[in-house]
Protein backbone atom coordinates (compact mmCIF):
# COMPACT_ATOMS: atom_id res chain seq x y z
CA UNK A 1 -0.23 -0.06 0.13
CA UNK A 2 1.62 3.11 -1.37
CA UNK A 3 0.21 6.54 1.35
CA UNK A 4 3.69 8.67 -1.12
CA UNK A 5 2.43 12.25 -1.48
CA UNK A 6 4.94 14.22 -3.60
CA UNK A 7 6.91 17.31 -1.34
CA UNK A 8 5.75 16.47 1.98
CA UNK A 9 7.64 16.79 4.50
CA UNK A 10 8.62 13.98 7.00
CA UNK A 11 6.02 15.39 9.41
CA UNK A 12 3.29 15.10 7.20
CA UNK A 13 4.00 11.81 5.97
CA UNK A 14 4.08 10.50 10.19
CA UNK A 15 0.62 12.72 10.71
CA UNK A 16 -0.69 10.42 7.49
CA UNK A 17 0.88 7.35 8.66
CA UNK A 18 -0.87 8.30 12.71
CA UNK A 19 -4.53 8.19 10.79
CA UNK A 20 -3.90 5.45 7.61
CA UNK A 21 -2.90 2.69 10.01
CA UNK A 22 -5.17 1.67 12.49
CA UNK A 23 -7.25 1.33 9.23
CA UNK A 24 -3.76 -0.15 7.34
CA UNK A 25 -1.98 -2.59 9.10
CA UNK A 26 0.82 -4.17 8.59
CA UNK A 27 4.07 -5.86 9.44
CA UNK A 28 6.45 -3.26 7.73
CA UNK A 29 6.79 0.52 7.31
CA UNK A 30 8.66 1.88 5.11
CA UNK A 31 8.66 6.17 5.74
CA UNK A 32 10.29 7.41 2.13
CA UNK A 33 12.26 10.38 1.97
CA UNK A 34 14.23 12.94 0.15
CA UNK A 35 17.11 14.60 2.37
CA UNK A 36 15.32 18.43 1.10
CA UNK A 37 13.14 16.91 4.06
CA UNK A 38 14.43 19.49 6.36
CA UNK A 39 13.31 21.55 4.62
CA UNK A 40 9.94 20.71 4.69
CA UNK A 41 9.26 20.34 8.05
CA UNK A 42 10.38 23.72 8.81
CA UNK A 43 7.72 24.81 6.21
CA UNK A 44 4.25 25.72 7.63
CA UNK A 45 3.36 27.86 3.51
CA UNK A 46 5.46 26.77 1.12
CA UNK A 47 5.85 29.36 -0.33
CA UNK A 48 7.93 31.20 1.83
CA UNK A 49 10.20 29.04 0.80
CA UNK A 50 9.34 27.74 -2.39
CA UNK A 51 8.23 30.90 -3.91
CA UNK A 52 4.87 30.51 -5.87
CA UNK A 53 3.50 27.36 -3.93
CA UNK A 54 0.85 29.55 -2.76
CA UNK A 55 -1.29 26.80 -2.03
CA UNK A 56 1.23 24.76 0.15
CA UNK A 57 -0.16 25.11 3.94
CA UNK A 58 0.95 22.14 6.08
CA UNK A 59 0.97 21.50 9.41
CA UNK A 60 4.07 21.11 11.16
CA UNK A 61 6.21 20.65 14.29
CA UNK A 62 8.27 22.21 16.97
CA UNK A 63 10.43 22.60 19.92
CA UNK A 64 9.69 25.40 22.17
CA UNK A 65 10.59 25.59 25.98
CA UNK A 66 11.96 22.09 25.92
CA UNK A 67 8.35 20.89 24.75
CA UNK A 68 8.01 19.08 21.09
CA UNK A 69 4.57 20.49 19.85
CA UNK A 70 2.20 19.99 17.10
CA UNK A 71 1.21 23.38 15.41
CA UNK A 72 -2.06 22.10 13.52
CA UNK A 73 -2.83 23.37 9.62
CA UNK A 74 -3.16 27.31 9.65
CA UNK A 75 -5.44 27.63 6.59
CA UNK A 76 -7.41 24.24 6.03
CA UNK A 77 -10.45 25.17 4.12
CA UNK A 78 -11.32 27.37 1.72
CA UNK A 79 -12.48 30.27 3.06
CA UNK A 80 -9.62 30.73 5.69
CA UNK A 81 -7.71 30.34 2.06
CA UNK A 82 -10.16 34.11 1.28
CA UNK A 83 -9.12 35.99 3.43
CA UNK A 84 -5.34 34.88 3.87
CA UNK A 85 -4.32 37.70 5.08
CA UNK A 86 -6.05 38.02 8.51
CA UNK A 87 -3.84 34.81 9.21
CA UNK A 88 -0.60 36.03 8.04
CA UNK A 89 1.17 37.35 11.44
CA UNK A 90 0.03 33.36 12.58
CA UNK A 91 1.37 31.66 9.61
CA UNK A 92 4.75 33.57 9.51
CA UNK A 93 4.98 33.58 13.17
CA UNK A 94 5.50 29.22 13.13
CA UNK A 95 7.13 29.13 9.39
CA UNK A 96 10.71 29.15 9.45
CA UNK A 97 11.30 30.96 6.05
CA UNK A 98 9.74 33.54 7.03
CA UNK A 99 11.94 36.06 8.32
CA UNK A 100 15.41 33.73 6.87
CA UNK A 101 14.60 33.65 3.71
CA UNK A 102 11.73 34.93 2.11
CA UNK A 103 11.47 38.73 3.44
CA UNK A 104 16.00 38.53 2.86
CA UNK A 105 14.79 38.18 -0.93
CA UNK A 106 11.38 39.96 -1.34
CA UNK A 107 12.16 42.02 -4.41
CA UNK A 108 10.23 45.37 -4.13
CA UNK A 109 11.04 49.15 -3.96
CA UNK A 110 13.31 50.46 -4.42
CA UNK A 111 13.87 47.58 -6.68
CA UNK A 112 18.15 48.14 -6.87
CA UNK A 113 18.34 48.63 -3.22
CA UNK A 114 16.64 44.90 -3.15
CA UNK A 115 18.35 43.26 -6.47
CA UNK A 116 21.85 44.46 -5.30
CA UNK A 117 21.03 43.42 -1.33
CA UNK A 118 21.35 39.75 -2.86
CA UNK A 119 23.68 40.08 -6.26
CA UNK A 120 24.82 37.72 -6.60
CA UNK A 121 21.49 35.05 -6.59
CA UNK A 122 19.44 38.02 -8.26
CA UNK A 123 21.40 39.54 -11.35
CA UNK A 124 21.68 35.55 -13.47
CA UNK A 125 18.33 35.19 -12.30
CA UNK A 126 17.29 37.57 -14.07
CA UNK A 127 19.75 38.47 -17.28
CA UNK A 128 18.27 34.20 -17.78
CA UNK A 129 14.44 34.62 -18.13
CA UNK A 130 15.07 38.23 -19.71
CA UNK A 131 17.39 36.14 -22.28
CA UNK A 132 15.20 33.02 -21.75
CA UNK A 133 16.97 30.91 -19.95
CA UNK A 134 15.33 28.93 -18.21
CA UNK A 135 17.03 25.46 -17.94
CA UNK A 136 19.75 28.05 -16.26
CA UNK A 137 17.90 29.58 -14.15
CA UNK A 138 16.12 26.93 -12.76
CA UNK A 139 19.88 24.94 -12.50
CA UNK A 140 21.21 28.70 -10.01
CA UNK A 141 18.34 27.41 -7.80
CA UNK A 142 19.15 24.32 -7.68
CA UNK A 143 22.27 25.23 -6.42
CA UNK A 144 20.67 27.91 -3.76
CA UNK A 145 18.44 24.80 -1.97
CA UNK A 146 21.09 22.39 -1.80
CA UNK A 147 23.04 24.92 0.00
CA UNK A 148 20.61 25.52 1.93
CA UNK A 149 20.13 21.75 2.97
CA UNK A 150 23.68 21.80 3.51
CA UNK A 151 23.36 24.47 5.53
CA UNK A 152 20.22 23.80 7.81
CA UNK A 153 22.12 19.91 8.72
CA UNK A 154 24.36 21.88 10.00
CA UNK A 155 22.42 24.44 12.25
CA UNK A 156 22.19 22.14 15.48
CA UNK A 157 18.46 22.98 16.54
CA UNK A 158 16.89 22.06 13.44
CA UNK A 159 18.92 18.89 13.36
CA UNK A 160 17.53 17.95 16.95
CA UNK A 161 13.79 19.06 15.28
CA UNK A 162 14.40 16.09 12.51
CA UNK A 163 15.76 13.64 15.21
CA UNK A 164 12.54 14.66 17.35
CA UNK A 165 10.50 13.64 14.53
CA UNK A 166 11.79 10.86 14.06
CA UNK A 167 11.65 10.12 17.50
CA UNK A 168 7.51 9.77 16.77
CA UNK A 169 8.01 7.85 13.32
CA UNK A 170 9.95 4.65 16.25
CA UNK A 171 7.39 5.36 19.13
CA UNK A 172 4.82 4.99 17.36
CA UNK A 173 6.08 2.22 15.78
CA UNK A 174 6.81 0.38 19.34
CA UNK A 175 3.50 1.52 20.38
CA UNK A 176 1.73 -0.83 16.75
CA UNK A 177 4.01 -3.45 16.55
CA UNK A 178 5.47 -2.73 13.49
CA UNK A 179 8.94 -2.83 11.45
CA UNK A 180 9.96 0.69 11.58
CA UNK A 181 12.16 1.39 7.82
CA UNK A 182 13.31 4.92 6.70
CA UNK A 183 14.77 4.78 2.84
CA UNK A 184 16.52 7.81 2.01
CA UNK A 185 16.76 8.54 -1.85
CA UNK A 186 19.59 11.56 -2.13
CA UNK A 187 19.05 12.89 -5.19
CA UNK A 188 21.58 14.06 -8.35
CA UNK A 189 22.60 16.87 -6.61
CA UNK A 190 23.19 15.46 -3.13
CA UNK A 191 24.95 13.01 -4.70
CA UNK A 192 27.57 14.57 -6.67
CA UNK A 193 28.21 17.34 -3.44
CA UNK A 194 28.77 14.07 -1.19
CA UNK A 195 26.91 12.76 1.63
CA UNK A 196 26.68 15.92 4.30
CA UNK A 197 23.48 13.91 5.86
CA UNK A 198 24.31 11.00 7.62
CA UNK A 199 25.90 12.11 10.63
CA UNK A 200 22.92 13.53 11.49
CA UNK A 201 20.50 10.25 10.25
CA UNK A 202 22.47 7.83 12.53
CA UNK A 203 21.80 9.50 16.26
CA UNK A 204 18.28 8.59 15.16
CA UNK A 205 19.01 4.89 15.01
CA UNK A 206 18.23 2.34 17.65
CA UNK A 207 17.14 -1.07 18.89
CA UNK A 208 14.40 -2.70 15.89
CA UNK A 209 15.37 1.17 13.57
CA UNK A 210 16.25 0.30 9.93
CA UNK A 211 17.88 3.45 7.99
CA UNK A 212 18.30 2.78 4.31
CA UNK A 213 20.53 5.14 2.88
CA UNK A 214 20.93 4.82 -1.28
CA UNK A 215 23.66 7.22 -1.25
CA UNK A 216 26.72 5.13 -1.80
CA UNK A 217 24.59 3.02 -3.86
CA UNK A 218 23.13 5.64 -6.28
CA UNK A 219 26.83 6.74 -6.76
CA UNK A 220 27.98 4.08 -7.93
CA UNK A 221 25.77 4.55 -11.16
CA UNK A 222 24.88 6.94 -13.98
CA UNK A 223 21.36 7.29 -15.78
CA UNK A 224 19.79 6.98 -12.96
CA UNK A 225 17.15 10.13 -12.82
CA UNK A 226 13.69 10.69 -14.68
CA UNK A 227 15.18 13.65 -16.24
CA UNK A 228 18.91 14.64 -17.84
CA UNK A 229 19.20 17.43 -16.05
CA UNK A 230 22.47 18.05 -13.08
CA UNK A 231 18.85 17.80 -10.80
CA UNK A 232 17.88 14.38 -11.54
CA UNK A 233 14.73 14.91 -10.41
CA UNK A 234 12.82 11.63 -9.68
CA UNK A 235 14.58 7.90 -9.67
CA UNK A 236 13.96 6.03 -13.38
CA UNK A 237 12.83 2.27 -13.71
CA UNK A 238 16.57 1.35 -12.98
CA UNK A 239 17.10 3.18 -9.35
CA UNK A 240 13.35 1.51 -8.40
CA UNK A 241 14.25 -1.37 -9.31
CA UNK A 242 17.82 -0.47 -7.14
CA UNK A 243 15.62 0.58 -3.88
CA UNK A 244 13.62 -2.86 -4.43
CA UNK A 245 16.26 -4.80 -4.50
CA UNK A 246 17.89 -2.69 -0.73
CA UNK A 247 14.78 -2.71 0.68
CA UNK A 248 13.77 -7.47 0.04
CA UNK A 249 17.22 -7.13 1.89
CA UNK A 250 15.62 -6.46 4.92
CA UNK A 251 12.39 -7.65 4.59
CA UNK A 252 13.13 -11.13 3.35
């Protein structure tokens, strides 16, 4: 049974597991993630990080005064979306990227001032768009996104939140007597950069919890991503066969 949803963070996946599992009990539960889940767990409105993802509202977890708490989805009805401005202060309070990224990168009047606040980002992007080089613009954004992921895996407060979310998965497995597996599928630029995330994930290892990291297998392969560019995208048929073989070793 596949309950995966594109662009979900690990936090959303675990909340869905808790909703679906009582009616879909099974011996194994595999959580399949990409390293950029560390970005996704910090959002309540994805537009503040993925500009233009204006429908991407979600719950998230936070650690406040040492307490691991859930922040419910703030925009969970059409009526709330239609009066979004009313809820912006609460959204901005809980979205990590509003202050750390969105406010720093937004281009507004006076435009030249804001463009030259981040010239290494803004000038190439403007040039690529004006000259219809959208693929180069995309690659620029992908490089920026990779640097953000790497930076977040060096931020201990963010990593503690990620470890707490993983622990919720493991605890739920113990309570419901299934075997938890965390499956990490790095993207193409993750492979090219090097395994910057494993030191954090391995901190979550406890007895009866399995982490399958495809990094070492993928880095020995060619032509394993569905998109023929530096970013890569999703695993193709060849890569999925490699993933299936690796999972089979553990569930056999």
